[in-house]
Amino acid sequence: MNAAQPAAIQVHKTSGTTMEIGWKDGHQSTYTFTYLRDACPCALCNEEREKSGRQPDEPTSPDTAGPLQMFKPQARPTEVAQVGNYAIRFSWNDGHQHGIYSWDYLRDWCPCTDCRAARHSVDGLKHDIDTHVPREK
């Protein structure tokens, strides 16, 4: 069974600020819309992250948000669409709509405490997200 296959997806588009995924292996992930927008996997956002050295699970710097940050509305999707059997796409209230969030990408960047700890381990090894066990580089 592929762990990166969702069993259930709830996008709280109008009533909340999160998307929840229950994975087929039993793992649960809750993503805030701000987290998802900051982690957008499109080429433009990827390039911005590479230039700044920011990982998808790190928030954008207030310095890059512009001078009127306090007036910036909270990230929220205006549209949500499934992309085939492998991904979900959001159109954001800031006009951005290029990111296709594959199930693999979402599972790799799960924001839960255990997954974050596995990604940011101090042993220098990349960990298998499914089992949190170190694997060879």
N, C-alpha and C. Protein backbone atom coordinates (compact mmCIF):
# COMPACT_ATOMS: atom_id res chain seq x y z
N MET A 1 0.84 -1.18 0.00
CA MET A 1 0.00 0.00 0.00
C MET A 1 0.89 1.24 0.00
N ASN A 2 0.58 2.19 -0.86
CA ASN A 2 1.31 3.45 -0.94
C ASN A 2 0.81 4.38 0.15
N ALA A 3 1.70 4.80 1.04
CA ALA A 3 1.33 5.66 2.17
C ALA A 3 0.85 7.02 1.69
N ALA A 4 1.26 7.44 0.52
CA ALA A 4 0.89 8.76 0.02
C ALA A 4 -0.44 8.74 -0.72
N GLN A 5 -1.32 7.85 -0.34
CA GLN A 5 -2.65 7.82 -0.91
C GLN A 5 -3.66 8.21 0.17
N PRO A 6 -4.41 9.28 -0.06
CA PRO A 6 -5.37 9.69 0.95
C PRO A 6 -6.58 8.76 1.00
N ALA A 7 -7.08 8.54 2.20
CA ALA A 7 -8.31 7.79 2.38
C ALA A 7 -9.48 8.77 2.46
N ALA A 8 -9.23 9.95 3.04
CA ALA A 8 -10.26 10.98 3.19
C ALA A 8 -9.60 12.35 3.16
N ILE A 9 -10.26 13.29 2.50
CA ILE A 9 -9.75 14.66 2.41
C ILE A 9 -10.89 15.60 2.76
N GLN A 10 -10.61 16.55 3.66
CA GLN A 10 -11.58 17.59 3.99
C GLN A 10 -10.89 18.94 3.84
N VAL A 11 -11.41 19.76 2.93
CA VAL A 11 -10.89 21.11 2.76
C VAL A 11 -11.95 22.05 3.34
N HIS A 12 -11.62 22.70 4.42
CA HIS A 12 -12.56 23.59 5.11
C HIS A 12 -12.48 24.98 4.48
N LYS A 13 -12.90 25.06 3.23
CA LYS A 13 -12.72 26.27 2.42
C LYS A 13 -13.51 27.46 2.98
N THR A 14 -14.76 27.28 3.30
CA THR A 14 -15.56 28.42 3.74
C THR A 14 -15.71 28.51 5.24
N SER A 15 -15.61 27.40 5.94
CA SER A 15 -15.86 27.43 7.38
C SER A 15 -14.61 27.42 8.24
N GLY A 16 -13.44 27.32 7.65
CA GLY A 16 -12.25 27.22 8.47
C GLY A 16 -10.99 27.66 7.76
N THR A 17 -9.87 27.17 8.25
CA THR A 17 -8.58 27.59 7.70
C THR A 17 -7.66 26.41 7.46
N THR A 18 -8.22 25.21 7.33
CA THR A 18 -7.37 24.03 7.20
C THR A 18 -7.87 23.05 6.14
N MET A 19 -6.94 22.16 5.77
CA MET A 19 -7.25 20.98 4.98
C MET A 19 -6.76 19.79 5.81
N GLU A 20 -7.59 18.78 5.94
CA GLU A 20 -7.22 17.59 6.69
C GLU A 20 -7.20 16.40 5.74
N ILE A 21 -6.15 15.58 5.90
CA ILE A 21 -6.05 14.35 5.10
C ILE A 21 -5.85 13.19 6.04
N GLY A 22 -6.70 12.19 5.90
CA GLY A 22 -6.50 10.90 6.55
C GLY A 22 -5.90 9.98 5.52
N TRP A 23 -4.67 9.52 5.77
CA TRP A 23 -3.95 8.69 4.81
C TRP A 23 -4.34 7.23 4.98
N LYS A 24 -4.20 6.46 3.92
CA LYS A 24 -4.60 5.05 3.94
C LYS A 24 -3.85 4.23 4.98
N ASP A 25 -2.65 4.69 5.37
CA ASP A 25 -1.90 3.95 6.40
C ASP A 25 -2.30 4.36 7.81
N GLY A 26 -3.29 5.24 7.94
CA GLY A 26 -3.78 5.66 9.25
C GLY A 26 -3.22 6.98 9.74
N HIS A 27 -2.19 7.51 9.10
CA HIS A 27 -1.61 8.79 9.51
C HIS A 27 -2.62 9.91 9.23
N GLN A 28 -2.65 10.93 10.08
CA GLN A 28 -3.51 12.10 9.91
C GLN A 28 -2.65 13.33 9.72
N SER A 29 -2.99 14.17 8.76
CA SER A 29 -2.28 15.42 8.51
C SER A 29 -3.28 16.57 8.50
N THR A 30 -2.91 17.67 9.16
CA THR A 30 -3.72 18.89 9.13
C THR A 30 -2.82 20.02 8.65
N TYR A 31 -3.21 20.65 7.56
CA TYR A 31 -2.44 21.72 6.94
C TYR A 31 -3.24 23.01 7.06
N THR A 32 -2.64 24.06 7.60
CA THR A 32 -3.31 25.36 7.56
C THR A 32 -3.20 25.89 6.14
N PHE A 33 -4.11 26.77 5.77
CA PHE A 33 -4.04 27.34 4.43
C PHE A 33 -2.78 28.18 4.27
N THR A 34 -2.36 28.86 5.33
CA THR A 34 -1.12 29.64 5.27
C THR A 34 0.06 28.72 5.02
N TYR A 35 0.11 27.57 5.71
CA TYR A 35 1.19 26.60 5.51
C TYR A 35 1.20 26.14 4.05
N LEU A 36 0.02 25.79 3.52
CA LEU A 36 -0.06 25.31 2.14
C LEU A 36 0.37 26.39 1.15
N ARG A 37 -0.06 27.62 1.38
CA ARG A 37 0.33 28.70 0.44
C ARG A 37 1.83 28.93 0.50
N ASP A 38 2.42 28.92 1.70
CA ASP A 38 3.87 29.10 1.85
C ASP A 38 4.66 27.93 1.24
N ALA A 39 4.04 26.75 1.20
CA ALA A 39 4.71 25.55 0.68
C ALA A 39 4.37 25.28 -0.78
N CYS A 40 3.78 26.23 -1.46
CA CYS A 40 3.37 26.01 -2.86
C CYS A 40 4.51 25.38 -3.66
N PRO A 41 4.23 24.27 -4.36
CA PRO A 41 5.28 23.56 -5.09
C PRO A 41 5.53 24.05 -6.52
N CYS A 42 4.91 25.15 -6.93
CA CYS A 42 5.11 25.59 -8.32
C CYS A 42 6.54 26.08 -8.53
N ALA A 43 6.95 26.18 -9.76
CA ALA A 43 8.32 26.57 -10.10
C ALA A 43 8.67 27.96 -9.57
N LEU A 44 7.75 28.90 -9.66
CA LEU A 44 8.00 30.26 -9.18
C LEU A 44 8.24 30.27 -7.66
N CYS A 45 7.39 29.60 -6.91
CA CYS A 45 7.55 29.56 -5.45
C CYS A 45 8.78 28.75 -5.05
N ASN A 46 9.05 27.68 -5.79
CA ASN A 46 10.25 26.88 -5.54
C ASN A 46 11.51 27.73 -5.72
N GLU A 47 11.54 28.53 -6.77
CA GLU A 47 12.69 29.39 -7.04
C GLU A 47 12.86 30.42 -5.91
N GLU A 48 11.77 30.99 -5.45
CA GLU A 48 11.83 31.96 -4.34
C GLU A 48 12.40 31.29 -3.09
N ARG A 49 11.95 30.06 -2.81
CA ARG A 49 12.45 29.35 -1.63
C ARG A 49 13.93 29.03 -1.77
N GLU A 50 14.35 28.60 -2.96
CA GLU A 50 15.76 28.29 -3.17
C GLU A 50 16.64 29.52 -2.97
N LYS A 51 16.22 30.67 -3.48
CA LYS A 51 16.99 31.91 -3.33
C LYS A 51 17.12 32.32 -1.87
N SER A 52 16.05 32.11 -1.11
CA SER A 52 16.06 32.54 0.30
C SER A 52 16.54 31.44 1.24
N GLY A 53 16.70 30.21 0.72
CA GLY A 53 17.14 29.10 1.57
C GLY A 53 16.03 28.58 2.47
N ARG A 54 14.79 28.90 2.14
CA ARG A 54 13.63 28.50 2.95
C ARG A 54 13.11 27.15 2.47
N GLN A 55 12.75 26.29 3.41
CA GLN A 55 12.14 25.01 3.09
C GLN A 55 10.61 25.19 3.00
N PRO A 56 9.90 24.26 2.34
CA PRO A 56 8.45 24.39 2.24
C PRO A 56 7.73 24.45 3.59
N ASP A 57 8.32 23.88 4.64
CA ASP A 57 7.66 23.90 5.95
C ASP A 57 8.06 25.10 6.80
N GLU A 58 8.72 26.07 6.19
CA GLU A 58 9.09 27.31 6.89
C GLU A 58 8.27 28.47 6.33
N PRO A 59 7.76 29.35 7.19
CA PRO A 59 6.94 30.46 6.70
C PRO A 59 7.76 31.46 5.90
N THR A 60 7.07 32.22 5.06
CA THR A 60 7.75 33.27 4.32
C THR A 60 8.21 34.35 5.30
N SER A 61 9.29 35.01 4.95
CA SER A 61 9.83 36.08 5.77
C SER A 61 8.94 37.31 5.67
N PRO A 62 8.70 38.01 6.79
CA PRO A 62 7.92 39.25 6.71
C PRO A 62 8.57 40.28 5.78
N ASP A 63 9.90 40.19 5.61
CA ASP A 63 10.61 41.12 4.73
C ASP A 63 10.20 40.96 3.28
N THR A 64 9.80 39.74 2.87
CA THR A 64 9.43 39.50 1.48
C THR A 64 7.94 39.72 1.24
N ALA A 65 7.19 40.02 2.29
CA ALA A 65 5.75 40.15 2.15
C ALA A 65 5.32 41.54 1.69
N GLY A 66 6.20 42.50 1.71
CA GLY A 66 5.86 43.84 1.27
C GLY A 66 5.56 44.76 2.44
N PRO A 67 5.50 46.06 2.16
CA PRO A 67 5.36 47.04 3.23
C PRO A 67 3.99 47.06 3.89
N LEU A 68 2.96 46.57 3.23
CA LEU A 68 1.62 46.60 3.81
C LEU A 68 1.18 45.23 4.32
N GLN A 69 2.11 44.48 4.88
CA GLN A 69 1.83 43.12 5.36
C GLN A 69 0.63 43.09 6.31
N MET A 70 0.49 44.12 7.16
CA MET A 70 -0.60 44.10 8.14
C MET A 70 -1.96 44.13 7.45
N PHE A 71 -2.02 44.56 6.21
CA PHE A 71 -3.28 44.62 5.48
C PHE A 71 -3.49 43.42 4.57
N LYS A 72 -2.55 42.51 4.57
CA LYS A 72 -2.64 41.32 3.72
C LYS A 72 -3.66 40.35 4.30
N PRO A 73 -4.66 39.94 3.50
CA PRO A 73 -5.64 38.99 4.03
C PRO A 73 -5.03 37.62 4.29
N GLN A 74 -5.60 36.90 5.22
CA GLN A 74 -5.18 35.53 5.54
C GLN A 74 -5.30 34.67 4.30
N ALA A 75 -4.31 33.81 4.05
CA ALA A 75 -4.35 32.91 2.89
C ALA A 75 -5.58 32.02 2.97
N ARG A 76 -6.29 31.95 1.84
CA ARG A 76 -7.48 31.13 1.77
C ARG A 76 -7.72 30.76 0.31
N PRO A 77 -8.12 29.52 0.05
CA PRO A 77 -8.38 29.15 -1.34
C PRO A 77 -9.73 29.69 -1.80
N THR A 78 -9.76 30.15 -3.04
CA THR A 78 -11.02 30.57 -3.64
C THR A 78 -11.62 29.41 -4.44
N GLU A 79 -10.74 28.52 -4.91
CA GLU A 79 -11.17 27.31 -5.62
C GLU A 79 -10.24 26.16 -5.25
N VAL A 80 -10.81 24.97 -5.22
CA VAL A 80 -10.04 23.75 -4.94
C VAL A 80 -10.46 22.71 -5.97
N ALA A 81 -9.49 22.04 -6.57
CA ALA A 81 -9.82 21.03 -7.58
C ALA A 81 -8.87 19.85 -7.46
N GLN A 82 -9.42 18.66 -7.57
CA GLN A 82 -8.57 17.47 -7.62
C GLN A 82 -7.93 17.39 -9.00
N VAL A 83 -6.67 16.96 -9.03
CA VAL A 83 -5.94 16.80 -10.28
C VAL A 83 -5.69 15.30 -10.45
N GLY A 84 -6.46 14.69 -11.32
CA GLY A 84 -6.34 13.24 -11.53
C GLY A 84 -6.48 12.48 -10.22
N ASN A 85 -5.69 11.41 -10.09
CA ASN A 85 -5.68 10.62 -8.86
C ASN A 85 -4.50 10.97 -7.98
N TYR A 86 -3.74 11.99 -8.34
CA TYR A 86 -2.45 12.17 -7.70
C TYR A 86 -2.24 13.51 -7.00
N ALA A 87 -3.18 14.45 -7.08
CA ALA A 87 -2.88 15.78 -6.55
C ALA A 87 -4.13 16.60 -6.32
N ILE A 88 -3.91 17.77 -5.73
CA ILE A 88 -4.94 18.76 -5.52
C ILE A 88 -4.36 20.12 -5.90
N ARG A 89 -5.20 20.99 -6.43
CA ARG A 89 -4.75 22.33 -6.85
C ARG A 89 -5.63 23.37 -6.19
N PHE A 90 -5.00 24.45 -5.74
CA PHE A 90 -5.72 25.55 -5.11
C PHE A 90 -5.56 26.81 -5.96
N SER A 91 -6.61 27.59 -6.05
CA SER A 91 -6.53 28.98 -6.51
C SER A 91 -6.64 29.79 -5.23
N TRP A 92 -5.66 30.66 -4.98
CA TRP A 92 -5.58 31.39 -3.72
C TRP A 92 -6.16 32.79 -3.84
N ASN A 93 -6.58 33.34 -2.71
CA ASN A 93 -7.17 34.68 -2.70
C ASN A 93 -6.17 35.78 -3.06
N ASP A 94 -4.88 35.44 -3.15
CA ASP A 94 -3.89 36.44 -3.60
C ASP A 94 -3.67 36.35 -5.11
N GLY A 95 -4.48 35.52 -5.81
CA GLY A 95 -4.39 35.40 -7.25
C GLY A 95 -3.49 34.28 -7.74
N HIS A 96 -2.72 33.68 -6.85
CA HIS A 96 -1.81 32.61 -7.24
C HIS A 96 -2.60 31.32 -7.46
N GLN A 97 -2.24 30.58 -8.52
CA GLN A 97 -2.99 29.34 -8.81
C GLN A 97 -2.15 28.30 -9.56
N HIS A 98 -0.83 28.38 -9.43
CA HIS A 98 0.02 27.51 -10.24
C HIS A 98 0.47 26.23 -9.56
N GLY A 99 0.33 26.13 -8.26
CA GLY A 99 0.85 24.97 -7.54
C GLY A 99 -0.06 23.76 -7.63
N ILE A 100 0.52 22.63 -7.97
CA ILE A 100 -0.19 21.35 -7.94
C ILE A 100 0.45 20.54 -6.82
N TYR A 101 -0.31 20.29 -5.78
CA TYR A 101 0.18 19.62 -4.57
C TYR A 101 -0.09 18.13 -4.70
N SER A 102 0.94 17.37 -5.08
CA SER A 102 0.76 15.92 -5.23
C SER A 102 0.58 15.31 -3.85
N TRP A 103 -0.03 14.13 -3.82
CA TRP A 103 -0.19 13.43 -2.54
C TRP A 103 1.18 13.13 -1.95
N ASP A 104 2.16 12.76 -2.79
CA ASP A 104 3.52 12.51 -2.30
C ASP A 104 4.11 13.76 -1.65
N TYR A 105 3.95 14.90 -2.30
CA TYR A 105 4.49 16.16 -1.78
C TYR A 105 3.84 16.50 -0.44
N LEU A 106 2.51 16.38 -0.38
CA LEU A 106 1.81 16.69 0.86
C LEU A 106 2.23 15.75 1.99
N ARG A 107 2.41 14.49 1.68
CA ARG A 107 2.83 13.55 2.71
C ARG A 107 4.27 13.84 3.15
N ASP A 108 5.16 14.13 2.19
CA ASP A 108 6.55 14.45 2.53
C ASP A 108 6.65 15.69 3.40
N TRP A 109 5.76 16.65 3.21
CA TRP A 109 5.82 17.91 3.96
C TRP A 109 4.70 18.02 4.98
N CYS A 110 4.24 16.88 5.50
CA CYS A 110 3.24 16.87 6.56
C CYS A 110 3.74 17.73 7.72
N PRO A 111 2.90 18.63 8.24
CA PRO A 111 3.35 19.51 9.31
C PRO A 111 3.22 18.93 10.73
N CYS A 112 2.82 17.69 10.87
CA CYS A 112 2.67 17.14 12.23
C CYS A 112 4.03 17.07 12.93
N THR A 113 4.00 17.02 14.22
CA THR A 113 5.22 17.03 15.04
C THR A 113 6.17 15.90 14.68
N ASP A 114 5.65 14.69 14.51
CA ASP A 114 6.51 13.54 14.19
C ASP A 114 7.19 13.70 12.83
N CYS A 115 6.43 14.13 11.83
CA CYS A 115 7.01 14.28 10.49
C CYS A 115 8.02 15.42 10.45
N ARG A 116 7.72 16.53 11.13
CA ARG A 116 8.67 17.65 11.19
C ARG A 116 9.96 17.19 11.87
N ALA A 117 9.84 16.45 12.95
CA ALA A 117 11.02 15.95 13.67
C ALA A 117 11.85 15.05 12.77
N ALA A 118 11.18 14.21 11.99
CA ALA A 118 11.90 13.31 11.09
C ALA A 118 12.64 14.10 10.01
N ARG A 119 12.02 15.15 9.49
CA ARG A 119 12.67 15.97 8.46
C ARG A 119 13.83 16.77 9.01
N HIS A 120 13.74 17.20 10.24
CA HIS A 120 14.74 18.08 10.83
C HIS A 120 15.63 17.35 11.83
N SER A 121 15.82 16.08 11.61
CA SER A 121 16.63 15.28 12.52
C SER A 121 18.07 15.77 12.53
N VAL A 122 18.73 15.65 13.65
CA VAL A 122 20.10 16.14 13.79
C VAL A 122 21.13 15.10 13.36
N ASP A 123 20.70 13.88 13.01
CA ASP A 123 21.68 12.85 12.64
C ASP A 123 22.18 13.01 11.20
N GLY A 124 21.58 13.98 10.48
CA GLY A 124 22.07 14.25 9.12
C GLY A 124 21.53 13.30 8.07
N LEU A 125 20.74 12.31 8.47
CA LEU A 125 20.17 11.37 7.51
C LEU A 125 18.78 11.80 7.12
N LYS A 126 18.43 11.54 5.89
CA LYS A 126 17.06 11.75 5.47
C LYS A 126 16.26 10.57 6.01
N HIS A 127 15.12 10.84 6.60
CA HIS A 127 14.32 9.79 7.21
C HIS A 127 13.16 9.40 6.30
N ASP A 128 12.79 8.15 6.39
CA ASP A 128 11.62 7.66 5.71
C ASP A 128 10.42 8.23 6.45
N ILE A 129 9.62 9.06 5.78
CA ILE A 129 8.50 9.74 6.41
C ILE A 129 7.48 8.73 6.95
N ASP A 130 7.32 7.59 6.28
CA ASP A 130 6.31 6.62 6.71
C ASP A 130 6.66 5.97 8.04
N THR A 131 7.94 5.72 8.28
CA THR A 131 8.32 4.98 9.48
C THR A 131 9.21 5.79 10.41
N HIS A 132 9.65 6.97 9.96
CA HIS A 132 10.55 7.83 10.72
C HIS A 132 11.87 7.12 11.02
N VAL A 133 12.24 6.19 10.15
CA VAL A 133 13.50 5.45 10.30
C VAL A 133 14.51 6.03 9.32
N PRO A 134 15.77 6.25 9.77
CA PRO A 134 16.77 6.78 8.83
C PRO A 134 16.97 5.83 7.66
N ARG A 135 17.20 6.41 6.48
CA ARG A 135 17.52 5.59 5.32
C ARG A 135 18.82 6.13 4.72
N GLU A 136 19.42 5.34 3.87
CA GLU A 136 20.69 5.76 3.26
C GLU A 136 20.47 6.94 2.36
N LYS A 137 21.50 7.81 2.27
CA LYS A 137 21.41 9.00 1.42
C LYS A 137 21.43 8.62 -0.04
